[in-house]
C-alpha atoms as a PDB file:
ATOM      1  CA  MET A   1      24.633 -49.990 -46.037  1.00  0.00           C
ATOM      2  CA  ARG A   2      26.910 -51.671 -48.582  1.00  0.00           C
ATOM      3  CA  GLY A   3      30.576 -50.813 -48.329  1.00  0.00           C
ATOM      4  CA  MET A   4      30.549 -49.748 -44.679  1.00  0.00           C
ATOM      5  CA  THR A   5      33.416 -52.059 -43.688  1.00  0.00           C
ATOM      6  CA  ALA A   6      35.592 -51.056 -46.627  1.00  0.00           C
ATOM      7  CA  GLN A   7      34.878 -47.418 -45.822  1.00  0.00           C
ATOM      8  CA  LEU A   8      36.023 -47.876 -42.210  1.00  0.00           C
ATOM      9  CA  ALA A   9      39.270 -49.554 -43.308  1.00  0.00           C
ATOM     10  CA  HIS A  10      39.915 -46.749 -45.803  1.00  0.00           C
ATOM     11  CA  GLU A  11      39.264 -44.071 -43.170  1.00  0.00           C
ATOM     12  CA  GLU A  12      41.653 -45.817 -40.778  1.00  0.00           C
ATOM     13  CA  ARG A  13      44.450 -45.758 -43.368  1.00  0.00           C
ATOM     14  CA  ARG A  14      44.064 -42.098 -44.257  1.00  0.00           C
ATOM     15  CA  THR A  15      43.297 -40.756 -40.799  1.00  0.00           C
ATOM     16  CA  LEU A  16      45.626 -40.816 -37.833  1.00  0.00           C
ATOM     17  CA  LEU A  17      44.041 -42.577 -34.920  1.00  0.00           C
ATOM     18  CA  GLY A  18      43.513 -40.598 -31.768  1.00  0.00           C
ATOM     19  CA  PRO A  19      45.748 -41.033 -28.721  1.00  0.00           C
ATOM     20  CA  VAL A  20      43.260 -42.913 -26.516  1.00  0.00           C
ATOM     21  CA  THR A  21      43.604 -46.715 -26.377  1.00  0.00           C
ATOM     22  CA  VAL A  22      41.103 -49.401 -25.440  1.00  0.00           C
ATOM     23  CA  ASP A  23      43.048 -49.849 -22.172  1.00  0.00           C
ATOM     24  CA  ASP A  24      42.590 -46.120 -21.467  1.00  0.00           C
ATOM     25  CA  TRP A  25      38.858 -46.529 -22.096  1.00  0.00           C
ATOM     26  CA  LEU A  26      38.732 -49.495 -19.716  1.00  0.00           C
ATOM     27  CA  ALA A  27      40.507 -47.459 -17.023  1.00  0.00           C
ATOM     28  CA  ALA A  28      38.311 -44.360 -17.440  1.00  0.00           C
ATOM     29  CA  ASP A  29      35.722 -43.575 -14.794  1.00  0.00           C
ATOM     30  CA  ALA A  30      32.105 -43.995 -15.853  1.00  0.00           C
ATOM     31  CA  PRO A  31      30.353 -40.614 -16.127  1.00  0.00           C
ATOM     32  CA  ALA A  32      28.384 -39.911 -12.948  1.00  0.00           C
ATOM     33  CA  ASP A  33      25.398 -38.489 -14.839  1.00  0.00           C
ATOM     34  CA  GLY A  34      24.630 -41.668 -16.805  1.00  0.00           C
ATOM     35  CA  SER A  35      26.250 -40.489 -20.033  1.00  0.00           C
ATOM     36  CA  ARG A  36      27.880 -43.155 -22.186  1.00  0.00           C
ATOM     37  CA  LEU A  37      31.612 -42.931 -22.794  1.00  0.00           C
ATOM     38  CA  GLU A  38      32.648 -44.794 -25.938  1.00  0.00           C
ATOM     39  CA  LEU A  39      35.911 -44.926 -27.868  1.00  0.00           C
ATOM     40  CA  ILE A  40      35.797 -44.275 -31.611  1.00  0.00           C
ATOM     41  CA  LEU A  41      39.031 -44.383 -33.624  1.00  0.00           C
ATOM     42  CA  GLY A  42      41.094 -43.372 -30.606  1.00  0.00           C
ATOM     43  CA  TYR A  43      38.893 -40.522 -29.394  1.00  0.00           C
ATOM     44  CA  PHE A  44      36.456 -40.501 -26.502  1.00  0.00           C
ATOM     45  CA  ALA A  45      32.852 -39.973 -27.636  1.00  0.00           C
ATOM     46  CA  MET A  46      30.367 -38.954 -24.958  1.00  0.00           C
ATOM     47  CA  SER A  47      26.636 -39.465 -25.463  1.00  0.00           C
ATOM     48  CA  PRO A  48      24.152 -37.799 -23.112  1.00  0.00           C
ATOM     49  CA  PRO A  49      22.125 -40.016 -20.800  1.00  0.00           C
ATOM     50  CA  PRO A  50      19.449 -41.897 -22.772  1.00  0.00           C
ATOM     51  CA  THR A  51      15.943 -40.433 -22.769  1.00  0.00           C
ATOM     52  CA  GLY A  52      13.025 -42.215 -21.165  1.00  0.00           C
ATOM     53  CA  PHE A  53      11.636 -43.074 -24.601  1.00  0.00           C
ATOM     54  CA  HIS A  54      14.976 -44.516 -25.712  1.00  0.00           C
ATOM     55  CA  GLN A  55      15.133 -46.650 -22.563  1.00  0.00           C
ATOM     56  CA  ASP A  56      11.537 -47.802 -22.993  1.00  0.00           C
ATOM     57  CA  VAL A  57      12.266 -48.988 -26.559  1.00  0.00           C
ATOM     58  CA  THR A  58      15.436 -50.737 -25.357  1.00  0.00           C
ATOM     59  CA  ALA A  59      13.575 -52.416 -22.480  1.00  0.00           C
ATOM     60  CA  GLU A  60      10.844 -53.673 -24.831  1.00  0.00           C
ATOM     61  CA  LEU A  61      13.421 -55.129 -27.240  1.00  0.00           C
ATOM     62  CA  THR A  62      15.330 -56.705 -24.340  1.00  0.00           C
ATOM     63  CA  GLY A  63      12.157 -58.420 -23.123  1.00  0.00           C
ATOM     64  CA  LEU A  64      11.253 -59.710 -26.594  1.00  0.00           C
ATOM     65  CA  LEU A  65      14.764 -60.992 -27.187  1.00  0.00           C
ATOM     66  CA  ARG A  66      15.078 -62.733 -23.818  1.00  0.00           C
ATOM     67  CA  ALA A  67      11.667 -64.372 -24.268  1.00  0.00           C
ATOM     68  CA  ALA A  68      12.670 -65.630 -27.736  1.00  0.00           C
ATOM     69  CA  LEU A  69      15.949 -67.050 -26.398  1.00  0.00           C
ATOM     70  CA  ARG A  70      14.084 -68.878 -23.604  1.00  0.00           C
ATOM     71  CA  ALA A  71      11.430 -70.195 -26.016  1.00  0.00           C
ATOM     72  CA  ALA A  72      14.186 -71.544 -28.290  1.00  0.00           C
ATOM     73  CA  GLY A  73      15.910 -73.250 -25.357  1.00  0.00           C
ATOM     74  CA  ARG A  74      19.073 -71.172 -25.864  1.00  0.00           C
ATOM     75  CA  SER A  75      20.300 -71.024 -22.276  1.00  0.00           C
ATOM     76  CA  ASP A  76      23.826 -70.647 -23.703  1.00  0.00           C
ATOM     77  CA  LEU A  77      22.977 -67.133 -24.932  1.00  0.00           C
ATOM     78  CA  ARG A  78      22.087 -63.993 -22.979  1.00  0.00           C
ATOM     79  CA  GLY A  79      20.485 -60.720 -24.019  1.00  0.00           C
ATOM     80  CA  LEU A  80      22.071 -57.793 -22.165  1.00  0.00           C
ATOM     81  CA  PRO A  81      21.388 -54.046 -22.385  1.00  0.00           C
ATOM     82  CA  GLY A  82      24.118 -51.402 -22.290  1.00  0.00           C
ATOM     83  CA  VAL A  83      27.347 -53.374 -21.772  1.00  0.00           C
ATOM     84  CA  GLY A  84      30.855 -52.374 -22.841  1.00  0.00           C
ATOM     85  CA  VAL A  85      32.354 -54.171 -25.838  1.00  0.00           C
ATOM     86  CA  ARG A  86      35.980 -54.059 -26.986  1.00  0.00           C
ATOM     87  CA  ILE A  87      35.366 -53.961 -30.741  1.00  0.00           C
ATOM     88  CA  SER A  88      38.898 -53.402 -32.092  1.00  0.00           C
ATOM     89  CA  THR A  89      42.129 -52.739 -30.216  1.00  0.00           C
ATOM     90  CA  PRO A  90      44.111 -51.820 -33.387  1.00  0.00           C
ATOM     91  CA  LEU A  91      41.393 -49.371 -34.505  1.00  0.00           C
ATOM     92  CA  ARG A  92      40.876 -48.188 -30.920  1.00  0.00           C
ATOM     93  CA  ILE A  93      37.130 -48.787 -30.896  1.00  0.00           C
ATOM     94  CA  ALA A  94      35.115 -49.718 -27.798  1.00  0.00           C
ATOM     95  CA  LEU A  95      31.346 -49.291 -27.820  1.00  0.00           C
ATOM     96  CA  ILE A  96      28.326 -49.619 -25.562  1.00  0.00           C
ATOM     97  CA  PRO A  97      25.542 -51.011 -27.770  1.00  0.00           C
ATOM     98  CA  ASP A  98      22.012 -50.527 -26.462  1.00  0.00           C
ATOM     99  CA  LEU A  99      21.487 -54.292 -26.457  1.00  0.00           C
ATOM    100  CA  VAL A 100      23.581 -57.348 -27.309  1.00  0.00           C
ATOM    101  CA  VAL A 101      23.308 -61.120 -27.400  1.00  0.00           C
ATOM    102  CA  VAL A 102      26.443 -62.782 -26.043  1.00  0.00           C
ATOM    103  CA  ASN A 103      27.641 -66.386 -26.108  1.00  0.00           C
ATOM    104  CA  VAL A 104      29.638 -66.315 -22.845  1.00  0.00           C
ATOM    105  CA  GLY A 105      28.939 -65.972 -19.135  1.00  0.00           C
ATOM    106  CA  VAL A 106      27.812 -62.550 -18.002  1.00  0.00           C
ATOM    107  CA  ARG A 107      29.994 -62.149 -14.902  1.00  0.00           C
ATOM    108  CA  ARG A 108      32.519 -59.827 -16.521  1.00  0.00           C
ATOM    109  CA  ALA A 109      33.032 -56.083 -16.822  1.00  0.00           C
ATOM    110  CA  THR A 110      33.250 -55.955 -20.632  1.00  0.00           C
ATOM    111  CA  PHE A 111      32.953 -58.282 -23.606  1.00  0.00           C
ATOM    112  CA  GLU A 112      35.059 -59.029 -26.678  1.00  0.00           C
ATOM    113  CA  ALA A 113      33.583 -58.469 -30.135  1.00  0.00           C
ATOM    114  CA  ASP A 114      33.688 -62.196 -30.872  1.00  0.00           C
ATOM    115  CA  ASN A 115      31.348 -62.772 -27.903  1.00  0.00           C
ATOM    116  CA  LEU A 116      28.576 -60.892 -29.755  1.00  0.00           C
ATOM    117  CA  LEU A 117      26.002 -62.602 -31.950  1.00  0.00           C
ATOM    118  CA  LEU A 118      23.764 -59.528 -32.187  1.00  0.00           C
ATOM    119  CA  ALA A 119      24.257 -55.806 -31.610  1.00  0.00           C
ATOM    120  CA  VAL A 120      21.327 -53.404 -31.335  1.00  0.00           C
ATOM    121  CA  GLU A 121      21.581 -49.634 -31.687  1.00  0.00           C
ATOM    122  CA  VAL A 122      18.582 -47.460 -30.840  1.00  0.00           C
ATOM    123  CA  TRP A 123      19.400 -44.237 -32.672  1.00  0.00           C
ATOM    124  CA  SER A 124      18.271 -40.947 -31.199  1.00  0.00           C
ATOM    125  CA  PRO A 125      17.925 -37.814 -33.346  1.00  0.00           C
ATOM    126  CA  GLY A 126      21.253 -36.513 -31.997  1.00  0.00           C
ATOM    127  CA  ASN A 127      23.342 -39.405 -33.357  1.00  0.00           C
ATOM    128  CA  ARG A 128      25.476 -38.022 -36.196  1.00  0.00           C
ATOM    129  CA  ARG A 129      25.675 -39.865 -39.527  1.00  0.00           C
ATOM    130  CA  ALA A 130      29.472 -40.274 -39.337  1.00  0.00           C
ATOM    131  CA  GLU A 131      29.148 -41.812 -35.859  1.00  0.00           C
ATOM    132  CA  ARG A 132      26.479 -44.217 -37.089  1.00  0.00           C
ATOM    133  CA  GLU A 133      28.495 -45.297 -40.130  1.00  0.00           C
ATOM    134  CA  THR A 134      31.650 -45.801 -38.077  1.00  0.00           C
ATOM    135  CA  LYS A 135      29.814 -47.966 -35.541  1.00  0.00           C
ATOM    136  CA  ILE A 136      28.106 -50.054 -38.234  1.00  0.00           C
ATOM    137  CA  GLY A 137      31.410 -50.528 -40.050  1.00  0.00           C
ATOM    138  CA  ALA A 138      33.146 -51.500 -36.806  1.00  0.00           C
ATOM    139  CA  TYR A 139      30.513 -54.145 -35.995  1.00  0.00           C
ATOM    140  CA  ALA A 140      30.874 -55.566 -39.512  1.00  0.00           C
ATOM    141  CA  GLN A 141      34.663 -55.603 -39.408  1.00  0.00           C
ATOM    142  CA  ALA A 142      34.515 -57.322 -36.005  1.00  0.00           C
ATOM    143  CA  GLY A 143      32.285 -60.033 -37.508  1.00  0.00           C
ATOM    144  CA  VAL A 144      29.129 -59.464 -35.426  1.00  0.00           C
ATOM    145  CA  PRO A 145      26.636 -61.685 -37.325  1.00  0.00           C
ATOM    146  CA  PHE A 146      23.428 -59.691 -36.755  1.00  0.00           C
ATOM    147  CA  LEU A 147      22.628 -55.994 -36.349  1.00  0.00           C
ATOM    148  CA  TRP A 148      19.354 -54.281 -35.508  1.00  0.00           C
ATOM    149  CA  LEU A 149      18.958 -50.534 -36.014  1.00  0.00           C
ATOM    150  CA  VAL A 150      16.000 -48.721 -34.490  1.00  0.00           C
ATOM    151  CA  GLU A 151      15.235 -45.111 -35.401  1.00  0.00           C
ATOM    152  CA  THR A 152      13.403 -42.992 -32.822  1.00  0.00           C
ATOM    153  CA  PRO A 153      12.796 -39.666 -34.628  1.00  0.00           C
ATOM    154  CA  LEU A 154      11.148 -36.891 -32.631  1.00  0.00           C
ATOM    155  CA  GLY A 155       7.379 -36.906 -33.031  1.00  0.00           C
ATOM    156  CA  GLU A 156       7.459 -39.738 -35.574  1.00  0.00           C
ATOM    157  CA  PRO A 157       6.862 -43.491 -35.341  1.00  0.00           C
ATOM    158  CA  VAL A 158       9.709 -45.884 -34.591  1.00  0.00           C
ATOM    159  CA  LYS A 159      11.404 -47.577 -37.566  1.00  0.00           C
ATOM    160  CA  PHE A 160      13.123 -50.974 -37.305  1.00  0.00           C
ATOM    161  CA  ARG A 161      15.721 -52.553 -39.598  1.00  0.00           C
ATOM    162  CA  GLY A 162      17.318 -55.975 -39.187  1.00  0.00           C
ATOM    163  CA  TYR A 163      20.576 -56.922 -40.929  1.00  0.00           C
ATOM    164  CA  ARG A 164      22.660 -60.050 -41.370  1.00  0.00           C
ATOM    165  CA  LEU A 165      26.400 -59.993 -42.017  1.00  0.00           C
ATOM    166  CA  GLU A 166      27.176 -61.524 -45.410  1.00  0.00           C
ATOM    167  CA  GLY A 167      30.884 -61.543 -46.129  1.00  0.00           C
ATOM    168  CA  VAL A 168      32.093 -58.186 -44.854  1.00  0.00           C
ATOM    169  CA  GLU A 169      28.870 -56.179 -45.260  1.00  0.00           C
ATOM    170  CA  TYR A 170      25.500 -56.017 -43.569  1.00  0.00           C
ATOM    171  CA  VAL A 171      22.581 -56.886 -45.821  1.00  0.00           C
ATOM    172  CA  LEU A 172      19.087 -55.647 -44.957  1.00  0.00           C
ATOM    173  CA  LYS A 173      16.773 -58.597 -44.250  1.00  0.00           C
ATOM    174  CA  VAL A 174      13.693 -56.934 -42.743  1.00  0.00           C
ATOM    175  CA  GLN A 175      12.370 -53.464 -42.137  1.00  0.00           C
ATOM    176  CA  ALA A 176       9.243 -52.248 -40.420  1.00  0.00           C
ATOM    177  CA  GLU A 177       7.606 -48.869 -40.315  1.00  0.00           C
ATOM    178  CA  ALA A 178       4.918 -47.747 -37.881  1.00  0.00           C
ATOM    179  CA  GLY A 179       2.497 -50.501 -36.904  1.00  0.00           C
ATOM    180  CA  GLU A 180       4.184 -53.229 -38.948  1.00  0.00           C
ATOM    181  CA  THR A 181       5.301 -56.571 -37.558  1.00  0.00           C
ATOM    182  CA  VAL A 182       8.359 -58.475 -38.781  1.00  0.00           C
ATOM    183  CA  THR A 183      10.423 -61.462 -37.737  1.00  0.00           C
ATOM    184  CA  ALA A 184      13.864 -60.049 -37.060  1.00  0.00           C
ATOM    185  CA  PRO A 185      17.007 -61.996 -37.955  1.00  0.00           C
ATOM    186  CA  GLY A 186      19.234 -63.078 -35.108  1.00  0.00           C
ATOM    187  CA  PRO A 187      20.619 -66.083 -33.272  1.00  0.00           C
ATOM    188  CA  VAL A 188      16.918 -66.920 -32.808  1.00  0.00           C
ATOM    189  CA  PRO A 189      14.027 -65.343 -34.752  1.00  0.00           C
ATOM    190  CA  VAL A 190      12.285 -62.543 -32.857  1.00  0.00           C
ATOM    191  CA  LYS A 191       8.850 -61.150 -33.714  1.00  0.00           C
ATOM    192  CA  ILE A 192       8.950 -57.334 -33.572  1.00  0.00           C
ATOM    193  CA  ASP A 193       5.754 -55.263 -33.581  1.00  0.00           C
ATOM    194  CA  THR A 194       6.786 -51.636 -34.050  1.00  0.00           C
ATOM    195  CA  SER A 195       3.529 -50.424 -32.502  1.00  0.00           C
ATOM    196  CA  GLU A 196       4.793 -51.870 -29.200  1.00  0.00           C
ATOM    197  CA  LEU A 197       8.045 -49.915 -29.482  1.00  0.00           C
ATOM    198  CA  GLY A 198       6.448 -46.536 -29.099  1.00  0.00           C
END
């Protein structure tokens, strides 16, 4: 995980960005089939509609996170699944994390990166390594303080990893394999039992 932000900056310098801007992404029609249209380094990236298992994991995490925010009295923060985030206009990156915690009102179409306190990505087997690294690097460069990564490999137990941004890199704080329980880092601590995630 170390060096992800530096790697993204290096890639941006040596690679020409694609022609699509964040404004183009904002103006694009949402796919009718539920696919997710993201913008990565100036190119549209289409992900197929999430599977039922993916959505079940996301729903469980959303419930845990919202309950933790309420218990901590943090009415100023909201946990939201699947919203658009303008990560970087210069790098032409706009993403749809599986779950975020934001520090602003929710009556808006998209959010700015500095509105995010936590980003959560539930990785499916089809997510390519380059895509994952670019997204992680973009969140770090944008200054998102906390990141959760959840692996959902086919036929295998769910794996959870929680990171905190330290300087310009994410540092692993907790990880949990099948059946393990951890307290995940975030704007409020959240107890995660991986056995409840699938």
